[in-house]
Amino acid sequence: MKKARQYSEVLKELEDTLERMNRGEVPIDELEETVKQAAEKIRYLRSVLRSTQTTVTKILKEVEEESLEENR
């Protein structure tokens, strides 16, 4: 899966797949591949979330350190 894809786009695809599965619209012959693709999307989404969390945490720490330095 390409990293350039947007989180929201991949999430929408996953939601659509899950809806199709819940409605029984995925033929048994396609189920294995559909589940593999869904798992790949989940891994990608988790990766993006982890990366975003790391970045946001870093930024907030920097802002806090700047604020402490300004108050000295």
PDB file of N, CA and C in Angstrom:
ATOM      1  N   MET A   1       0.846  -1.182   0.000  1.00  0.00           N
ATOM      2  CA  MET A   1       0.000   0.000   0.000  1.00  0.00           C
ATOM      3  C   MET A   1       0.888   1.240   0.000  1.00  0.00           C
ATOM      4  N   LYS A   2       0.579   2.182  -0.827  1.00  0.00           N
ATOM      5  CA  LYS A   2       1.387   3.390  -0.958  1.00  0.00           C
ATOM      6  C   LYS A   2       1.206   4.284   0.254  1.00  0.00           C
ATOM      7  N   LYS A   3       2.309   4.861   0.719  1.00  0.00           N
ATOM      8  CA  LYS A   3       2.257   5.757   1.881  1.00  0.00           C
ATOM      9  C   LYS A   3       1.569   7.070   1.557  1.00  0.00           C
ATOM     10  N   ALA A   4       1.492   7.429   0.278  1.00  0.00           N
ATOM     11  CA  ALA A   4       0.912   8.705  -0.116  1.00  0.00           C
ATOM     12  C   ALA A   4      -0.605   8.730   0.041  1.00  0.00           C
ATOM     13  N   ARG A   5      -1.194   7.589   0.275  1.00  0.00           N
ATOM     14  CA  ARG A   5      -2.655   7.545   0.408  1.00  0.00           C
ATOM     15  C   ARG A   5      -3.091   8.247   1.683  1.00  0.00           C
ATOM     16  N   GLN A   6      -4.222   8.867   1.603  1.00  0.00           N
ATOM     17  CA  GLN A   6      -4.763   9.596   2.739  1.00  0.00           C
ATOM     18  C   GLN A   6      -5.411   8.638   3.727  1.00  0.00           C
ATOM     19  N   TYR A   7      -5.222   8.908   5.004  1.00  0.00           N
ATOM     20  CA  TYR A   7      -5.807   8.104   6.067  1.00  0.00           C
ATOM     21  C   TYR A   7      -7.317   7.962   5.864  1.00  0.00           C
ATOM     22  N   SER A   8      -7.974   9.081   5.624  1.00  0.00           N
ATOM     23  CA  SER A   8      -9.436   9.063   5.507  1.00  0.00           C
ATOM     24  C   SER A   8      -9.899   8.226   4.309  1.00  0.00           C
ATOM     25  N   GLU A   9      -9.130   8.232   3.243  1.00  0.00           N
ATOM     26  CA  GLU A   9      -9.464   7.440   2.058  1.00  0.00           C
ATOM     27  C   GLU A   9      -9.385   5.939   2.375  1.00  0.00           C
ATOM     28  N   VAL A  10      -8.312   5.539   3.027  1.00  0.00           N
ATOM     29  CA  VAL A  10      -8.130   4.125   3.374  1.00  0.00           C
ATOM     30  C   VAL A  10      -9.171   3.697   4.400  1.00  0.00           C
ATOM     31  N   LEU A  11      -9.451   4.553   5.364  1.00  0.00           N
ATOM     32  CA  LEU A  11     -10.467   4.246   6.370  1.00  0.00           C
ATOM     33  C   LEU A  11     -11.833   4.046   5.712  1.00  0.00           C
ATOM     34  N   LYS A  12     -12.179   4.894   4.774  1.00  0.00           N
ATOM     35  CA  LYS A  12     -13.461   4.770   4.067  1.00  0.00           C
ATOM     36  C   LYS A  12     -13.527   3.445   3.309  1.00  0.00           C
ATOM     37  N   GLU A  13     -12.424   3.078   2.649  1.00  0.00           N
ATOM     38  CA  GLU A  13     -12.385   1.799   1.928  1.00  0.00           C
ATOM     39  C   GLU A  13     -12.596   0.632   2.892  1.00  0.00           C
ATOM     40  N   LEU A  14     -11.947   0.707   4.051  1.00  0.00           N
ATOM     41  CA  LEU A  14     -12.095  -0.356   5.047  1.00  0.00           C
ATOM     42  C   LEU A  14     -13.536  -0.427   5.554  1.00  0.00           C
ATOM     43  N   GLU A  15     -14.112   0.723   5.844  1.00  0.00           N
ATOM     44  CA  GLU A  15     -15.506   0.753   6.305  1.00  0.00           C
ATOM     45  C   GLU A  15     -16.442   0.172   5.251  1.00  0.00           C
ATOM     46  N   ASP A  16     -16.219   0.513   3.990  1.00  0.00           N
ATOM     47  CA  ASP A  16     -17.044  -0.023   2.906  1.00  0.00           C
ATOM     48  C   ASP A  16     -16.917  -1.542   2.823  1.00  0.00           C
ATOM     49  N   THR A  17     -15.693  -2.037   2.952  1.00  0.00           N
ATOM     50  CA  THR A  17     -15.461  -3.481   2.914  1.00  0.00           C
ATOM     51  C   THR A  17     -16.185  -4.168   4.061  1.00  0.00           C
ATOM     52  N   LEU A  18     -16.071  -3.608   5.259  1.00  0.00           N
ATOM     53  CA  LEU A  18     -16.735  -4.198   6.419  1.00  0.00           C
ATOM     54  C   LEU A  18     -18.249  -4.200   6.260  1.00  0.00           C
ATOM     55  N   GLU A  19     -18.791  -3.140   5.692  1.00  0.00           N
ATOM     56  CA  GLU A  19     -20.235  -3.087   5.445  1.00  0.00           C
ATOM     57  C   GLU A  19     -20.659  -4.184   4.464  1.00  0.00           C
ATOM     58  N   ARG A  20     -19.881  -4.362   3.400  1.00  0.00           N
ATOM     59  CA  ARG A  20     -20.171  -5.414   2.420  1.00  0.00           C
ATOM     60  C   ARG A  20     -20.113  -6.793   3.073  1.00  0.00           C
ATOM     61  N   MET A  21     -19.131  -6.997   3.922  1.00  0.00           N
ATOM     62  CA  MET A  21     -19.002  -8.281   4.614  1.00  0.00           C
ATOM     63  C   MET A  21     -20.183  -8.507   5.553  1.00  0.00           C
ATOM     64  N   ASN A  22     -20.563  -7.480   6.302  1.00  0.00           N
ATOM     65  CA  ASN A  22     -21.685  -7.602   7.239  1.00  0.00           C
ATOM     66  C   ASN A  22     -23.005  -7.878   6.534  1.00  0.00           C
ATOM     67  N   ARG A  23     -23.140  -7.368   5.317  1.00  0.00           N
ATOM     68  CA  ARG A  23     -24.365  -7.615   4.541  1.00  0.00           C
ATOM     69  C   ARG A  23     -24.310  -8.941   3.795  1.00  0.00           C
ATOM     70  N   GLY A  24     -23.191  -9.640   3.897  1.00  0.00           N
ATOM     71  CA  GLY A  24     -23.048 -10.928   3.217  1.00  0.00           C
ATOM     72  C   GLY A  24     -22.837 -10.791   1.719  1.00  0.00           C
ATOM     73  N   GLU A  25     -22.286  -9.665   1.293  1.00  0.00           N
ATOM     74  CA  GLU A  25     -22.110  -9.399  -0.130  1.00  0.00           C
ATOM     75  C   GLU A  25     -20.751  -9.839  -0.669  1.00  0.00           C
ATOM     76  N   VAL A  26     -19.903 -10.393   0.193  1.00  0.00           N
ATOM     77  CA  VAL A  26     -18.597 -10.866  -0.257  1.00  0.00           C
ATOM     78  C   VAL A  26     -18.702 -12.373  -0.469  1.00  0.00           C
ATOM     79  N   PRO A  27     -18.588 -12.814  -1.719  1.00  0.00           N
ATOM     80  CA  PRO A  27     -18.671 -14.252  -1.987  1.00  0.00           C
ATOM     81  C   PRO A  27     -17.550 -15.002  -1.272  1.00  0.00           C
ATOM     82  N   ILE A  28     -17.828 -16.232  -0.880  1.00  0.00           N
ATOM     83  CA  ILE A  28     -16.847 -17.032  -0.157  1.00  0.00           C
ATOM     84  C   ILE A  28     -15.548 -17.161  -0.942  1.00  0.00           C
ATOM     85  N   ASP A  29     -15.641 -17.178  -2.264  1.00  0.00           N
ATOM     86  CA  ASP A  29     -14.444 -17.285  -3.099  1.00  0.00           C
ATOM     87  C   ASP A  29     -13.554 -16.053  -3.010  1.00  0.00           C
ATOM     88  N   GLU A  30     -14.113 -14.946  -2.589  1.00  0.00           N
ATOM     89  CA  GLU A  30     -13.363 -13.695  -2.470  1.00  0.00           C
ATOM     90  C   GLU A  30     -13.043 -13.332  -1.017  1.00  0.00           C
ATOM     91  N   LEU A  31     -13.580 -14.111  -0.089  1.00  0.00           N
ATOM     92  CA  LEU A  31     -13.467 -13.762   1.331  1.00  0.00           C
ATOM     93  C   LEU A  31     -12.018 -13.713   1.816  1.00  0.00           C
ATOM     94  N   GLU A  32     -11.218 -14.703   1.466  1.00  0.00           N
ATOM     95  CA  GLU A  32      -9.837 -14.735   1.933  1.00  0.00           C
ATOM     96  C   GLU A  32      -9.070 -13.490   1.474  1.00  0.00           C
ATOM     97  N   GLU A  33      -9.174 -13.158   0.195  1.00  0.00           N
ATOM     98  CA  GLU A  33      -8.465 -11.990  -0.330  1.00  0.00           C
ATOM     99  C   GLU A  33      -9.008 -10.694   0.270  1.00  0.00           C
ATOM    100  N   THR A  34     -10.319 -10.640   0.468  1.00  0.00           N
ATOM    101  CA  THR A  34     -10.937  -9.451   1.057  1.00  0.00           C
ATOM    102  C   THR A  34     -10.434  -9.230   2.481  1.00  0.00           C
ATOM    103  N   VAL A  35     -10.343 -10.306   3.253  1.00  0.00           N
ATOM    104  CA  VAL A  35      -9.855 -10.198   4.632  1.00  0.00           C
ATOM    105  C   VAL A  35      -8.383  -9.795   4.643  1.00  0.00           C
ATOM    106  N   LYS A  36      -7.581 -10.341   3.739  1.00  0.00           N
ATOM    107  CA  LYS A  36      -6.168  -9.962   3.655  1.00  0.00           C
ATOM    108  C   LYS A  36      -6.030  -8.469   3.346  1.00  0.00           C
ATOM    109  N   GLN A  37      -6.819  -7.985   2.411  1.00  0.00           N
ATOM    110  CA  GLN A  37      -6.765  -6.567   2.056  1.00  0.00           C
ATOM    111  C   GLN A  37      -7.212  -5.695   3.223  1.00  0.00           C
ATOM    112  N   ALA A  38      -8.244  -6.140   3.926  1.00  0.00           N
ATOM    113  CA  ALA A  38      -8.721  -5.383   5.095  1.00  0.00           C
ATOM    114  C   ALA A  38      -7.637  -5.334   6.168  1.00  0.00           C
ATOM    115  N   ALA A  39      -6.956  -6.445   6.397  1.00  0.00           N
ATOM    116  CA  ALA A  39      -5.883  -6.482   7.393  1.00  0.00           C
ATOM    117  C   ALA A  39      -4.748  -5.544   7.001  1.00  0.00           C
ATOM    118  N   GLU A  40      -4.425  -5.491   5.717  1.00  0.00           N
ATOM    119  CA  GLU A  40      -3.380  -4.583   5.236  1.00  0.00           C
ATOM    120  C   GLU A  40      -3.780  -3.131   5.500  1.00  0.00           C
ATOM    121  N   LYS A  41      -5.033  -2.825   5.275  1.00  0.00           N
ATOM    122  CA  LYS A  41      -5.517  -1.465   5.525  1.00  0.00           C
ATOM    123  C   LYS A  41      -5.454  -1.129   7.011  1.00  0.00           C
ATOM    124  N   ILE A  42      -5.817  -2.083   7.860  1.00  0.00           N
ATOM    125  CA  ILE A  42      -5.759  -1.870   9.303  1.00  0.00           C
ATOM    126  C   ILE A  42      -4.321  -1.607   9.740  1.00  0.00           C
ATOM    127  N   ARG A  43      -3.381  -2.390   9.215  1.00  0.00           N
ATOM    128  CA  ARG A  43      -1.966  -2.177   9.549  1.00  0.00           C
ATOM    129  C   ARG A  43      -1.508  -0.779   9.125  1.00  0.00           C
ATOM    130  N   TYR A  44      -1.905  -0.382   7.929  1.00  0.00           N
ATOM    131  CA  TYR A  44      -1.537   0.950   7.435  1.00  0.00           C
ATOM    132  C   TYR A  44      -2.116   2.042   8.341  1.00  0.00           C
ATOM    133  N   LEU A  45      -3.390   1.921   8.683  1.00  0.00           N
ATOM    134  CA  LEU A  45      -4.051   2.926   9.519  1.00  0.00           C
ATOM    135  C   LEU A  45      -3.386   3.017  10.892  1.00  0.00           C
ATOM    136  N   ARG A  46      -3.066   1.872  11.477  1.00  0.00           N
ATOM    137  CA  ARG A  46      -2.379   1.870  12.777  1.00  0.00           C
ATOM    138  C   ARG A  46      -1.023   2.554  12.676  1.00  0.00           C
ATOM    139  N   SER A  47      -0.319   2.283  11.592  1.00  0.00           N
ATOM    140  CA  SER A  47       0.992   2.893  11.378  1.00  0.00           C
ATOM    141  C   SER A  47       0.878   4.412  11.299  1.00  0.00           C
ATOM    142  N   VAL A  48      -0.101   4.881  10.568  1.00  0.00           N
ATOM    143  CA  VAL A  48      -0.305   6.331  10.449  1.00  0.00           C
ATOM    144  C   VAL A  48      -0.645   6.926  11.811  1.00  0.00           C
ATOM    145  N   LEU A  49      -1.499   6.249  12.562  1.00  0.00           N
ATOM    146  CA  LEU A  49      -1.868   6.749  13.887  1.00  0.00           C
ATOM    147  C   LEU A  49      -0.661   6.820  14.816  1.00  0.00           C
ATOM    148  N   ARG A  50       0.168   5.766  14.804  1.00  0.00           N
ATOM    149  CA  ARG A  50       1.367   5.763  15.647  1.00  0.00           C
ATOM    150  C   ARG A  50       2.301   6.912  15.270  1.00  0.00           C
ATOM    151  N   SER A  51       2.500   7.084  13.984  1.00  0.00           N
ATOM    152  CA  SER A  51       3.385   8.140  13.507  1.00  0.00           C
ATOM    153  C   SER A  51       2.849   9.513  13.895  1.00  0.00           C
ATOM    154  N   THR A  52       1.563   9.702  13.722  1.00  0.00           N
ATOM    155  CA  THR A  52       0.934  10.975  14.072  1.00  0.00           C
ATOM    156  C   THR A  52       1.044  11.231  15.564  1.00  0.00           C
ATOM    157  N   GLN A  53       0.802  10.203  16.367  1.00  0.00           N
ATOM    158  CA  GLN A  53       0.897  10.357  17.820  1.00  0.00           C
ATOM    159  C   GLN A  53       2.318  10.746  18.224  1.00  0.00           C
ATOM    160  N   THR A  54       3.306  10.106  17.636  1.00  0.00           N
ATOM    161  CA  THR A  54       4.694  10.424  17.932  1.00  0.00           C
ATOM    162  C   THR A  54       5.013  11.869  17.583  1.00  0.00           C
ATOM    163  N   THR A  55       4.576  12.297  16.412  1.00  0.00           N
ATOM    164  CA  THR A  55       4.836  13.662  15.959  1.00  0.00           C
ATOM    165  C   THR A  55       4.153  14.686  16.853  1.00  0.00           C
ATOM    166  N   VAL A  56       2.887  14.444  17.172  1.00  0.00           N
ATOM    167  CA  VAL A  56       2.141  15.381  18.017  1.00  0.00           C
ATOM    168  C   VAL A  56       2.772  15.458  19.404  1.00  0.00           C
ATOM    169  N   THR A  57       3.160  14.322  19.959  1.00  0.00           N
ATOM    170  CA  THR A  57       3.806  14.301  21.269  1.00  0.00           C
ATOM    171  C   THR A  57       5.101  15.110  21.244  1.00  0.00           C
ATOM    172  N   LYS A  58       5.875  14.951  20.199  1.00  0.00           N
ATOM    173  CA  LYS A  58       7.131  15.683  20.053  1.00  0.00           C
ATOM    174  C   LYS A  58       6.878  17.193  19.974  1.00  0.00           C
ATOM    175  N   ILE A  59       5.905  17.573  19.179  1.00  0.00           N
ATOM    176  CA  ILE A  59       5.579  18.995  19.025  1.00  0.00           C
ATOM    177  C   ILE A  59       5.119  19.592  20.349  1.00  0.00           C
ATOM    178  N   LEU A  60       4.237  18.886  21.049  1.00  0.00           N
ATOM    179  CA  LEU A  60       3.751  19.398  22.331  1.00  0.00           C
ATOM    180  C   LEU A  60       4.872  19.523  23.352  1.00  0.00           C
ATOM    181  N   LYS A  61       5.797  18.572  23.343  1.00  0.00           N
ATOM    182  CA  LYS A  61       6.944  18.644  24.245  1.00  0.00           C
ATOM    183  C   LYS A  61       7.805  19.865  23.928  1.00  0.00           C
ATOM    184  N   GLU A  62       8.033  20.119  22.643  1.00  0.00           N
ATOM    185  CA  GLU A  62       8.812  21.286  22.233  1.00  0.00           C
ATOM    186  C   GLU A  62       8.134  22.578  22.670  1.00  0.00           C
ATOM    187  N   VAL A  63       6.822  22.651  22.483  1.00  0.00           N
ATOM    188  CA  VAL A  63       6.080  23.850  22.884  1.00  0.00           C
ATOM    189  C   VAL A  63       6.177  24.051  24.392  1.00  0.00           C
ATOM    190  N   GLU A  64       6.055  22.972  25.129  1.00  0.00           N
ATOM    191  CA  GLU A  64       6.146  23.067  26.587  1.00  0.00           C
ATOM    192  C   GLU A  64       7.539  23.531  27.011  1.00  0.00           C
ATOM    193  N   GLU A  65       8.575  22.979  26.386  1.00  0.00           N
ATOM    194  CA  GLU A  65       9.939  23.385  26.714  1.00  0.00           C
ATOM    195  C   GLU A  65      10.176  24.852  26.369  1.00  0.00           C
ATOM    196  N   GLU A  66       9.634  25.308  25.242  1.00  0.00           N
ATOM    197  CA  GLU A  66       9.766  26.718  24.861  1.00  0.00           C
ATOM    198  C   GLU A  66       9.083  27.614  25.886  1.00  0.00           C
ATOM    199  N   SER A  67       7.933  27.168  26.351  1.00  0.00           N
ATOM    200  CA  SER A  67       7.186  27.952  27.332  1.00  0.00           C
ATOM    201  C   SER A  67       7.976  28.044  28.647  1.00  0.00           C
ATOM    202  N   LEU A  68       8.579  26.926  29.049  1.00  0.00           N
ATOM    203  CA  LEU A  68       9.376  26.939  30.276  1.00  0.00           C
ATOM    204  C   LEU A  68      10.582  27.863  30.132  1.00  0.00           C
ATOM    205  N   GLU A  69      11.213  27.860  28.978  1.00  0.00           N
ATOM    206  CA  GLU A  69      12.367  28.714  28.737  1.00  0.00           C
ATOM    207  C   GLU A  69      11.981  30.186  28.765  1.00  0.00           C
ATOM    208  N   GLU A  70      10.806  30.497  28.225  1.00  0.00           N
ATOM    209  CA  GLU A  70      10.343  31.887  28.211  1.00  0.00           C
ATOM    210  C   GLU A  70      10.044  32.392  29.624  1.00  0.00           C
ATOM    211  N   ASN A  71       9.638  31.507  30.492  1.00  0.00           N
ATOM    212  CA  ASN A  71       9.290  31.891  31.862  1.00  0.00           C
ATOM    213  C   ASN A  71      10.491  31.997  32.779  1.00  0.00           C
ATOM    214  N   ARG A  72      11.672  31.706  32.290  1.00  0.00           N
ATOM    215  CA  ARG A  72      12.876  31.783  33.140  1.00  0.00           C
ATOM    216  C   ARG A  72      13.396  33.189  33.199  1.00  0.00           C
TER     217      ARG A  72
END
